[in-house]
């Protein structure tokens, strides 16, 4: 049995009105449906990434031995950048740093 109903709905992705043939239709077409699904995946990946960054920062902050100075490798890991980028920032003078001393 087919239904002859037409319901005025608003697309959850593009927020444009459309005519739905069922009461559970959420999107105006397959394009909006696909875009919404991809956006959900992107949002989930961003949320996972933010959670990992927070966990890394907490583990660094709660480290039993807080160092007065960081090595290039430690600083780059803490800032989330590669060591070459950190060397470039140090050379430009945006961050002050000291050369390691031989003891």
PDB file of N, CA and C in Angstrom:
ATOM      1  N   UNK A   1       0.844  -1.182   0.000  1.00  0.00           N
ATOM      2  CA  UNK A   1       0.000   0.000   0.000  1.00  0.00           C
ATOM      3  C   UNK A   1       0.877   1.229   0.000  1.00  0.00           C
ATOM      4  N   UNK A   2       0.543   2.145  -0.851  1.00  0.00           N
ATOM      5  CA  UNK A   2       1.298   3.390  -0.892  1.00  0.00           C
ATOM      6  C   UNK A   2       0.496   4.492  -0.233  1.00  0.00           C
ATOM      7  N   UNK A   3       1.209   5.464   0.229  1.00  0.00           N
ATOM      8  CA  UNK A   3       0.575   6.579   0.915  1.00  0.00           C
ATOM      9  C   UNK A   3       0.567   7.794   0.002  1.00  0.00           C
ATOM     10  N   UNK A   4      -0.482   8.567   0.044  1.00  0.00           N
ATOM     11  CA  UNK A   4      -0.585   9.766  -0.774  1.00  0.00           C
ATOM     12  C   UNK A   4      -0.428  11.028   0.071  1.00  0.00           C
ATOM     13  N   UNK A   5       0.308  10.935   1.175  1.00  0.00           N
ATOM     14  CA  UNK A   5       0.441  12.116   2.031  1.00  0.00           C
ATOM     15  C   UNK A   5       1.628  12.962   1.583  1.00  0.00           C
ATOM     16  N   UNK A   6       1.512  14.245   1.798  1.00  0.00           N
ATOM     17  CA  UNK A   6       2.587  15.199   1.571  1.00  0.00           C
ATOM     18  C   UNK A   6       2.673  16.079   2.810  1.00  0.00           C
ATOM     19  N   UNK A   7       3.805  16.047   3.465  1.00  0.00           N
ATOM     20  CA  UNK A   7       3.985  16.798   4.703  1.00  0.00           C
ATOM     21  C   UNK A   7       5.041  17.872   4.466  1.00  0.00           C
ATOM     22  N   UNK A   8       4.741  19.072   4.911  1.00  0.00           N
ATOM     23  CA  UNK A   8       5.724  20.157   4.827  1.00  0.00           C
ATOM     24  C   UNK A   8       6.752  19.947   5.944  1.00  0.00           C
ATOM     25  N   UNK A   9       8.026  19.776   5.569  1.00  0.00           N
ATOM     26  CA  UNK A   9       9.107  19.563   6.538  1.00  0.00           C
ATOM     27  C   UNK A   9      10.217  20.565   6.268  1.00  0.00           C
ATOM     28  N   UNK A  10      11.172  20.649   7.195  1.00  0.00           N
ATOM     29  CA  UNK A  10      12.359  21.484   7.030  1.00  0.00           C
ATOM     30  C   UNK A  10      13.570  20.569   7.108  1.00  0.00           C
ATOM     31  N   UNK A  11      14.441  20.670   6.123  1.00  0.00           N
ATOM     32  CA  UNK A  11      15.642  19.836   6.055  1.00  0.00           C
ATOM     33  C   UNK A  11      16.542  20.136   7.254  1.00  0.00           C
ATOM     34  N   UNK A  12      17.024  19.100   7.924  1.00  0.00           N
ATOM     35  CA  UNK A  12      17.880  19.267   9.101  1.00  0.00           C
ATOM     36  C   UNK A  12      19.275  19.753   8.739  1.00  0.00           C
ATOM     37  N   UNK A  13      19.677  19.613   7.475  1.00  0.00           N
ATOM     38  CA  UNK A  13      21.016  20.049   7.081  1.00  0.00           C
ATOM     39  C   UNK A  13      21.007  21.451   6.472  1.00  0.00           C
ATOM     40  N   UNK A  14      20.218  21.667   5.435  1.00  0.00           N
ATOM     41  CA  UNK A  14      20.236  22.962   4.737  1.00  0.00           C
ATOM     42  C   UNK A  14      19.158  23.921   5.240  1.00  0.00           C
ATOM     43  N   UNK A  15      18.268  23.463   6.088  1.00  0.00           N
ATOM     44  CA  UNK A  15      17.200  24.253   6.719  1.00  0.00           C
ATOM     45  C   UNK A  15      16.258  24.881   5.680  1.00  0.00           C
ATOM     46  N   UNK A  16      16.040  24.187   4.580  1.00  0.00           N
ATOM     47  CA  UNK A  16      15.094  24.649   3.565  1.00  0.00           C
ATOM     48  C   UNK A  16      13.823  23.799   3.651  1.00  0.00           C
ATOM     49  N   UNK A  17      12.675  24.406   3.399  1.00  0.00           N
ATOM     50  CA  UNK A  17      11.427  23.622   3.428  1.00  0.00           C
ATOM     51  C   UNK A  17      11.320  22.695   2.218  1.00  0.00           C
ATOM     52  N   UNK A  18      10.685  21.554   2.436  1.00  0.00           N
ATOM     53  CA  UNK A  18      10.448  20.593   1.343  1.00  0.00           C
ATOM     54  C   UNK A  18       9.217  19.767   1.656  1.00  0.00           C
ATOM     55  N   UNK A  19       8.732  19.051   0.668  1.00  0.00           N
ATOM     56  CA  UNK A  19       7.570  18.181   0.823  1.00  0.00           C
ATOM     57  C   UNK A  19       8.045  16.751   1.046  1.00  0.00           C
ATOM     58  N   UNK A  20       7.669  16.174   2.178  1.00  0.00           N
ATOM     59  CA  UNK A  20       8.051  14.805   2.510  1.00  0.00           C
ATOM     60  C   UNK A  20       6.871  13.877   2.253  1.00  0.00           C
ATOM     61  N   UNK A  21       7.191  12.661   1.854  1.00  0.00           N
ATOM     62  CA  UNK A  21       6.151  11.675   1.594  1.00  0.00           C
ATOM     63  C   UNK A  21       5.942  10.732   2.769  1.00  0.00           C
ATOM     64  N   UNK A  22       6.825  10.840   3.785  1.00  0.00           N
ATOM     65  CA  UNK A  22       6.656  10.052   5.003  1.00  0.00           C
ATOM     66  C   UNK A  22       6.819  10.980   6.200  1.00  0.00           C
ATOM     67  N   UNK A  23       6.422  10.502   7.345  1.00  0.00           N
ATOM     68  CA  UNK A  23       6.495  11.326   8.554  1.00  0.00           C
ATOM     69  C   UNK A  23       7.876  11.300   9.203  1.00  0.00           C
ATOM     70  N   UNK A  24       8.763  10.445   8.749  1.00  0.00           N
ATOM     71  CA  UNK A  24      10.086  10.325   9.366  1.00  0.00           C
ATOM     72  C   UNK A  24      11.212  10.891   8.499  1.00  0.00           C
ATOM     73  N   UNK A  25      10.892  11.478   7.353  1.00  0.00           N
ATOM     74  CA  UNK A  25      11.912  12.038   6.470  1.00  0.00           C
ATOM     75  C   UNK A  25      12.570  13.231   7.144  1.00  0.00           C
ATOM     76  N   UNK A  26      13.930  13.243   7.152  1.00  0.00           N
ATOM     77  CA  UNK A  26      14.679  14.299   7.841  1.00  0.00           C
ATOM     78  C   UNK A  26      15.379  15.258   6.886  1.00  0.00           C
ATOM     79  N   UNK A  27      15.685  14.809   5.673  1.00  0.00           N
ATOM     80  CA  UNK A  27      16.466  15.612   4.743  1.00  0.00           C
ATOM     81  C   UNK A  27      15.727  15.759   3.428  1.00  0.00           C
ATOM     82  N   UNK A  28      16.044  16.851   2.719  1.00  0.00           N
ATOM     83  CA  UNK A  28      15.329  17.140   1.471  1.00  0.00           C
ATOM     84  C   UNK A  28      15.780  16.235   0.325  1.00  0.00           C
ATOM     85  N   UNK A  29      16.935  15.611   0.439  1.00  0.00           N
ATOM     86  CA  UNK A  29      17.395  14.718  -0.619  1.00  0.00           C
ATOM     87  C   UNK A  29      18.635  13.961  -0.195  1.00  0.00           C
ATOM     88  N   UNK A  30      19.177  13.189  -1.126  1.00  0.00           N
ATOM     89  CA  UNK A  30      20.343  12.364  -0.818  1.00  0.00           C
ATOM     90  C   UNK A  30      21.602  13.204  -0.620  1.00  0.00           C
ATOM     91  N   UNK A  31      21.679  14.357  -1.280  1.00  0.00           N
ATOM     92  CA  UNK A  31      22.862  15.212  -1.113  1.00  0.00           C
ATOM     93  C   UNK A  31      22.953  15.721   0.318  1.00  0.00           C
ATOM     94  N   UNK A  32      21.862  16.252   0.842  1.00  0.00           N
ATOM     95  CA  UNK A  32      21.861  16.743   2.231  1.00  0.00           C
ATOM     96  C   UNK A  32      22.069  15.600   3.219  1.00  0.00           C
ATOM     97  N   UNK A  33      21.504  14.443   2.918  1.00  0.00           N
ATOM     98  CA  UNK A  33      21.692  13.279   3.777  1.00  0.00           C
ATOM     99  C   UNK A  33      23.168  12.903   3.849  1.00  0.00           C
ATOM    100  N   UNK A  34      23.854  12.858   2.706  1.00  0.00           N
ATOM    101  CA  UNK A  34      25.274  12.521   2.661  1.00  0.00           C
ATOM    102  C   UNK A  34      26.131  13.574   3.348  1.00  0.00           C
ATOM    103  N   UNK A  35      25.821  14.832   3.113  1.00  0.00           N
ATOM    104  CA  UNK A  35      26.585  15.910   3.747  1.00  0.00           C
ATOM    105  C   UNK A  35      26.431  15.879   5.257  1.00  0.00           C
ATOM    106  N   UNK A  36      25.233  15.591   5.726  1.00  0.00           N
ATOM    107  CA  UNK A  36      24.994  15.500   7.166  1.00  0.00           C
ATOM    108  C   UNK A  36      25.794  14.341   7.773  1.00  0.00           C
ATOM    109  N   UNK A  37      25.828  13.223   7.089  1.00  0.00           N
ATOM    110  CA  UNK A  37      26.573  12.058   7.586  1.00  0.00           C
ATOM    111  C   UNK A  37      28.063  12.371   7.644  1.00  0.00           C
ATOM    112  N   UNK A  38      28.600  13.029   6.624  1.00  0.00           N
ATOM    113  CA  UNK A  38      30.021  13.392   6.627  1.00  0.00           C
ATOM    114  C   UNK A  38      30.331  14.391   7.733  1.00  0.00           C
ATOM    115  N   UNK A  39      29.425  15.322   7.979  1.00  0.00           N
ATOM    116  CA  UNK A  39      29.632  16.303   9.046  1.00  0.00           C
ATOM    117  C   UNK A  39      29.668  15.621  10.410  1.00  0.00           C
ATOM    118  N   UNK A  40      28.810  14.610  10.606  1.00  0.00           N
ATOM    119  CA  UNK A  40      28.818  13.866  11.865  1.00  0.00           C
ATOM    120  C   UNK A  40      30.154  13.164  12.076  1.00  0.00           C
ATOM    121  N   UNK A  41      30.710  12.583  11.013  1.00  0.00           N
ATOM    122  CA  UNK A  41      31.998  11.896  11.098  1.00  0.00           C
ATOM    123  C   UNK A  41      33.103  12.895  11.425  1.00  0.00           C
ATOM    124  N   UNK A  42      33.094  14.069  10.754  1.00  0.00           N
ATOM    125  CA  UNK A  42      34.102  15.102  11.036  1.00  0.00           C
ATOM    126  C   UNK A  42      34.018  15.561  12.487  1.00  0.00           C
ATOM    127  N   UNK A  43      32.807  15.819  12.973  1.00  0.00           N
ATOM    128  CA  UNK A  43      32.622  16.269  14.347  1.00  0.00           C
ATOM    129  C   UNK A  43      33.127  15.225  15.342  1.00  0.00           C
ATOM    130  N   UNK A  44      32.886  13.951  15.059  1.00  0.00           N
ATOM    131  CA  UNK A  44      33.341  12.878  15.931  1.00  0.00           C
ATOM    132  C   UNK A  44      34.864  12.820  15.966  1.00  0.00           C
ATOM    133  N   UNK A  45      35.511  12.956  14.795  1.00  0.00           N
ATOM    134  CA  UNK A  45      36.974  12.938  14.743  1.00  0.00           C
ATOM    135  C   UNK A  45      37.564  14.111  15.507  1.00  0.00           C
ATOM    136  N   UNK A  46      36.960  15.293  15.387  1.00  0.00           N
ATOM    137  CA  UNK A  46      37.438  16.470  16.108  1.00  0.00           C
ATOM    138  C   UNK A  46      37.294  16.257  17.603  1.00  0.00           C
ATOM    139  N   UNK A  47      36.180  15.683  18.032  1.00  0.00           N
ATOM    140  CA  UNK A  47      35.946  15.449  19.454  1.00  0.00           C
ATOM    141  C   UNK A  47      36.978  14.464  20.012  1.00  0.00           C
ATOM    142  N   UNK A  48      37.273  13.405  19.273  1.00  0.00           N
ATOM    143  CA  UNK A  48      38.279  12.424  19.699  1.00  0.00           C
ATOM    144  C   UNK A  48      39.642  13.083  19.801  1.00  0.00           C
ATOM    145  N   UNK A  49      39.983  13.920  18.824  1.00  0.00           N
ATOM    146  CA  UNK A  49      41.270  14.612  18.822  1.00  0.00           C
ATOM    147  C   UNK A  49      41.381  15.552  20.022  1.00  0.00           C
ATOM    148  N   UNK A  50      40.333  16.314  20.298  1.00  0.00           N
ATOM    149  CA  UNK A  50      40.355  17.220  21.445  1.00  0.00           C
ATOM    150  C   UNK A  50      40.502  16.457  22.754  1.00  0.00           C
ATOM    151  N   UNK A  51      39.859  15.310  22.869  1.00  0.00           N
ATOM    152  CA  UNK A  51      39.975  14.489  24.069  1.00  0.00           C
ATOM    153  C   UNK A  51      41.410  14.005  24.251  1.00  0.00           C
ATOM    154  N   UNK A  52      42.050  13.575  23.158  1.00  0.00           N
ATOM    155  CA  UNK A  52      43.435  13.116  23.244  1.00  0.00           C
ATOM    156  C   UNK A  52      44.366  14.245  23.657  1.00  0.00           C
ATOM    157  N   UNK A  53      44.159  15.438  23.122  1.00  0.00           N
ATOM    158  CA  UNK A  53      45.001  16.581  23.485  1.00  0.00           C
ATOM    159  C   UNK A  53      44.835  16.902  24.963  1.00  0.00           C
ATOM    160  N   UNK A  54      43.606  16.901  25.454  1.00  0.00           N
ATOM    161  CA  UNK A  54      43.368  17.174  26.875  1.00  0.00           C
ATOM    162  C   UNK A  54      44.051  16.131  27.744  1.00  0.00           C
ATOM    163  N   UNK A  55      43.967  14.860  27.368  1.00  0.00           N
ATOM    164  CA  UNK A  55      44.616  13.801  28.144  1.00  0.00           C
ATOM    165  C   UNK A  55      46.134  13.977  28.146  1.00  0.00           C
ATOM    166  N   UNK A  56      46.712  14.352  26.997  1.00  0.00           N
ATOM    167  CA  UNK A  56      48.156  14.578  26.926  1.00  0.00           C
ATOM    168  C   UNK A  56      48.573  15.740  27.806  1.00  0.00           C
ATOM    169  N   UNK A  57      47.804  16.827  27.789  1.00  0.00           N
ATOM    170  CA  UNK A  57      48.141  17.975  28.616  1.00  0.00           C
ATOM    171  C   UNK A  57      48.035  17.646  30.098  1.00  0.00           C
ATOM    172  N   UNK A  58      47.017  16.897  30.468  1.00  0.00           N
ATOM    173  CA  UNK A  58      46.853  16.511  31.870  1.00  0.00           C
ATOM    174  C   UNK A  58      48.015  15.638  32.319  1.00  0.00           C
ATOM    175  N   UNK A  59      48.443  14.713  31.462  1.00  0.00           N
ATOM    176  CA  UNK A  59      49.562  13.842  31.833  1.00  0.00           C
ATOM    177  C   UNK A  59      50.858  14.637  31.951  1.00  0.00           C
ATOM    178  N   UNK A  60      51.035  15.670  31.128  1.00  0.00           N
ATOM    179  CA  UNK A  60      52.237  16.504  31.227  1.00  0.00           C
ATOM    180  C   UNK A  60      52.179  17.367  32.479  1.00  0.00           C
ATOM    181  N   UNK A  61      51.021  17.961  32.750  1.00  0.00           N
ATOM    182  CA  UNK A  61      50.885  18.834  33.920  1.00  0.00           C
ATOM    183  C   UNK A  61      51.043  18.038  35.207  1.00  0.00           C
ATOM    184  N   UNK A  62      50.506  16.842  35.259  1.00  0.00           N
ATOM    185  CA  UNK A  62      50.568  16.014  36.463  1.00  0.00           C
ATOM    186  C   UNK A  62      51.834  15.173  36.539  1.00  0.00           C
ATOM    187  N   UNK A  63      52.798  15.458  35.679  1.00  0.00           N
ATOM    188  CA  UNK A  63      54.058  14.711  35.699  1.00  0.00           C
ATOM    189  C   UNK A  63      54.744  14.934  37.042  1.00  0.00           C
ATOM    190  N   UNK A  64      55.260  13.876  37.689  1.00  0.00           N
ATOM    191  CA  UNK A  64      55.842  14.023  39.029  1.00  0.00           C
ATOM    192  C   UNK A  64      57.055  14.951  39.083  1.00  0.00           C
ATOM    193  N   UNK A  65      57.804  15.022  38.014  1.00  0.00           N
ATOM    194  CA  UNK A  65      58.992  15.870  38.009  1.00  0.00           C
ATOM    195  C   UNK A  65      58.780  16.961  36.970  1.00  0.00           C
ATOM    196  N   UNK A  66      58.425  18.167  37.448  1.00  0.00           N
ATOM    197  CA  UNK A  66      58.261  19.279  36.521  1.00  0.00           C
ATOM    198  C   UNK A  66      59.631  19.885  36.277  1.00  0.00           C
ATOM    199  N   UNK A  67      60.000  19.947  35.022  1.00  0.00           N
ATOM    200  CA  UNK A  67      61.324  20.432  34.671  1.00  0.00           C
ATOM    201  C   UNK A  67      61.322  21.948  34.542  1.00  0.00           C
ATOM    202  N   UNK A  68      62.462  22.545  34.903  1.00  0.00           N
ATOM    203  CA  UNK A  68      62.594  23.983  34.745  1.00  0.00           C
ATOM    204  C   UNK A  68      62.773  24.332  33.269  1.00  0.00           C
ATOM    205  N   UNK A  69      63.496  23.481  32.541  1.00  0.00           N
ATOM    206  CA  UNK A  69      63.723  23.685  31.114  1.00  0.00           C
ATOM    207  C   UNK A  69      63.302  22.433  30.362  1.00  0.00           C
ATOM    208  N   UNK A  70      62.825  22.637  29.163  1.00  0.00           N
ATOM    209  CA  UNK A  70      62.415  21.519  28.322  1.00  0.00           C
ATOM    210  C   UNK A  70      63.389  21.370  27.165  1.00  0.00           C
ATOM    211  N   UNK A  71      63.551  20.145  26.718  1.00  0.00           N
ATOM    212  CA  UNK A  71      64.335  19.915  25.509  1.00  0.00           C
ATOM    213  C   UNK A  71      63.475  20.284  24.312  1.00  0.00           C
ATOM    214  N   UNK A  72      64.095  20.392  23.163  1.00  0.00           N
ATOM    215  CA  UNK A  72      63.361  20.711  21.938  1.00  0.00           C
ATOM    216  C   UNK A  72      62.300  19.651  21.674  1.00  0.00           C
ATOM    217  N   UNK A  73      62.670  18.404  21.882  1.00  0.00           N
ATOM    218  CA  UNK A  73      61.735  17.299  21.632  1.00  0.00           C
ATOM    219  C   UNK A  73      60.534  17.379  22.588  1.00  0.00           C
ATOM    220  N   UNK A  74      60.802  17.648  23.880  1.00  0.00           N
ATOM    221  CA  UNK A  74      59.718  17.751  24.859  1.00  0.00           C
ATOM    222  C   UNK A  74      58.809  18.942  24.551  1.00  0.00           C
ATOM    223  N   UNK A  75      59.415  20.086  24.213  1.00  0.00           N
ATOM    224  CA  UNK A  75      58.627  21.288  23.919  1.00  0.00           C
ATOM    225  C   UNK A  75      57.780  21.096  22.668  1.00  0.00           C
ATOM    226  N   UNK A  76      58.342  20.458  21.651  1.00  0.00           N
ATOM    227  CA  UNK A  76      57.578  20.247  20.424  1.00  0.00           C
ATOM    228  C   UNK A  76      56.411  19.294  20.657  1.00  0.00           C
ATOM    229  N   UNK A  77      56.624  18.291  21.494  1.00  0.00           N
ATOM    230  CA  UNK A  77      55.541  17.361  21.815  1.00  0.00           C
ATOM    231  C   UNK A  77      54.445  18.068  22.621  1.00  0.00           C
ATOM    232  N   UNK A  78      54.857  18.912  23.563  1.00  0.00           N
ATOM    233  CA  UNK A  78      53.907  19.653  24.384  1.00  0.00           C
ATOM    234  C   UNK A  78      53.084  20.626  23.538  1.00  0.00           C
ATOM    235  N   UNK A  79      53.731  21.295  22.581  1.00  0.00           N
ATOM    236  CA  UNK A  79      53.047  22.269  21.730  1.00  0.00           C
ATOM    237  C   UNK A  79      52.317  21.627  20.555  1.00  0.00           C
ATOM    238  N   UNK A  80      52.641  20.372  20.267  1.00  0.00           N
ATOM    239  CA  UNK A  80      51.976  19.678  19.164  1.00  0.00           C
ATOM    240  C   UNK A  80      52.495  20.100  17.799  1.00  0.00           C
ATOM    241  N   UNK A  81      53.786  20.454  17.732  1.00  0.00           N
ATOM    242  CA  UNK A  81      54.404  20.844  16.464  1.00  0.00           C
ATOM    243  C   UNK A  81      55.672  20.031  16.274  1.00  0.00           C
ATOM    244  N   UNK A  82      56.211  20.046  15.055  1.00  0.00           N
ATOM    245  CA  UNK A  82      57.430  19.283  14.817  1.00  0.00           C
ATOM    246  C   UNK A  82      58.640  20.085  15.306  1.00  0.00           C
ATOM    247  N   UNK A  83      59.752  19.388  15.502  1.00  0.00           N
ATOM    248  CA  UNK A  83      60.947  20.026  16.056  1.00  0.00           C
ATOM    249  C   UNK A  83      61.489  21.101  15.115  1.00  0.00           C
ATOM    250  N   UNK A  84      61.412  20.874  13.812  1.00  0.00           N
ATOM    251  CA  UNK A  84      61.914  21.858  12.845  1.00  0.00           C
ATOM    252  C   UNK A  84      61.138  23.166  12.967  1.00  0.00           C
ATOM    253  N   UNK A  85      59.828  23.074  13.130  1.00  0.00           N
ATOM    254  CA  UNK A  85      59.011  24.271  13.306  1.00  0.00           C
ATOM    255  C   UNK A  85      59.405  25.005  14.576  1.00  0.00           C
ATOM    256  N   UNK A  86      59.670  24.269  15.648  1.00  0.00           N
ATOM    257  CA  UNK A  86      60.076  24.889  16.901  1.00  0.00           C
ATOM    258  C   UNK A  86      61.428  25.578  16.758  1.00  0.00           C
ATOM    259  N   UNK A  87      62.360  24.957  16.039  1.00  0.00           N
ATOM    260  CA  UNK A  87      63.644  25.601  15.784  1.00  0.00           C
ATOM    261  C   UNK A  87      63.446  26.917  15.025  1.00  0.00           C
ATOM    262  N   UNK A  88      62.553  26.915  14.038  1.00  0.00           N
ATOM    263  CA  UNK A  88      62.275  28.130  13.275  1.00  0.00           C
ATOM    264  C   UNK A  88      61.671  29.225  14.157  1.00  0.00           C
ATOM    265  N   UNK A  89      60.764  28.852  15.057  1.00  0.00           N
ATOM    266  CA  UNK A  89      60.159  29.820  15.976  1.00  0.00           C
ATOM    267  C   UNK A  89      61.216  30.390  16.914  1.00  0.00           C
ATOM    268  N   UNK A  90      62.092  29.528  17.429  1.00  0.00           N
ATOM    269  CA  UNK A  90      63.167  29.996  18.305  1.00  0.00           C
ATOM    270  C   UNK A  90      64.101  30.948  17.569  1.00  0.00           C
ATOM    271  N   UNK A  91      64.415  30.633  16.334  1.00  0.00           N
ATOM    272  CA  UNK A  91      65.327  31.459  15.547  1.00  0.00           C
ATOM    273  C   UNK A  91      64.696  32.817  15.231  1.00  0.00           C
ATOM    274  N   UNK A  92      63.377  32.860  15.042  1.00  0.00           N
ATOM    275  CA  UNK A  92      62.709  34.125  14.740  1.00  0.00           C
ATOM    276  C   UNK A  92      62.589  35.010  15.977  1.00  0.00           C
ATOM    277  N   UNK A  93      62.752  34.431  17.169  1.00  0.00           N
ATOM    278  CA  UNK A  93      62.697  35.209  18.404  1.00  0.00           C
ATOM    279  C   UNK A  93      61.320  35.289  19.031  1.00  0.00           C
ATOM    280  N   UNK A  94      60.343  34.577  18.500  1.00  0.00           N
ATOM    281  CA  UNK A  94      59.000  34.591  19.072  1.00  0.00           C
ATOM    282  C   UNK A  94      58.970  33.888  20.428  1.00  0.00           C
ATOM    283  N   UNK A  95      59.826  32.904  20.602  1.00  0.00           N
ATOM    284  CA  UNK A  95      59.969  32.198  21.878  1.00  0.00           C
ATOM    285  C   UNK A  95      61.443  32.292  22.271  1.00  0.00           C
ATOM    286  N   UNK A  96      61.674  32.624  23.522  1.00  0.00           N
ATOM    287  CA  UNK A  96      63.058  32.711  23.985  1.00  0.00           C
ATOM    288  C   UNK A  96      63.523  31.328  24.446  1.00  0.00           C
ATOM    289  N   UNK A  97      64.759  31.032  24.170  1.00  0.00           N
ATOM    290  CA  UNK A  97      65.312  29.755  24.566  1.00  0.00           C
ATOM    291  C   UNK A  97      66.797  29.876  24.815  1.00  0.00           C
ATOM    292  N   UNK A  98      67.321  28.896  25.520  1.00  0.00           N
ATOM    293  CA  UNK A  98      68.754  28.867  25.814  1.00  0.00           C
ATOM    294  C   UNK A  98      69.345  27.635  25.164  1.00  0.00           C
ATOM    295  N   UNK A  99      70.580  27.788  24.750  1.00  0.00           N
ATOM    296  CA  UNK A  99      71.315  26.639  24.197  1.00  0.00           C
ATOM    297  C   UNK A  99      71.698  25.717  25.345  1.00  0.00           C
ATOM    298  N   UNK A 100      71.729  24.421  25.102  1.00  0.00           N
ATOM    299  CA  UNK A 100      72.113  23.494  26.161  1.00  0.00           C
ATOM    300  C   UNK A 100      73.559  23.704  26.574  1.00  0.00           C
ATOM    301  N   UNK A 101      73.826  23.554  27.863  1.00  0.00           N
ATOM    302  CA  UNK A 101      75.179  23.715  28.396  1.00  0.00           C
ATOM    303  C   UNK A 101      75.821  22.363  28.619  1.00  0.00           C
ATOM    304  N   UNK A 102      77.085  22.277  28.309  1.00  0.00           N
ATOM    305  CA  UNK A 102      77.835  21.058  28.580  1.00  0.00           C
ATOM    306  C   UNK A 102      78.368  21.121  30.000  1.00  0.00           C
ATOM    307  N   UNK A 103      78.189  20.072  30.753  1.00  0.00           N
ATOM    308  CA  UNK A 103      78.646  20.057  32.141  1.00  0.00           C
ATOM    309  C   UNK A 103      79.765  19.086  32.331  1.00  0.00           C
TER     310      UNK A 103
END
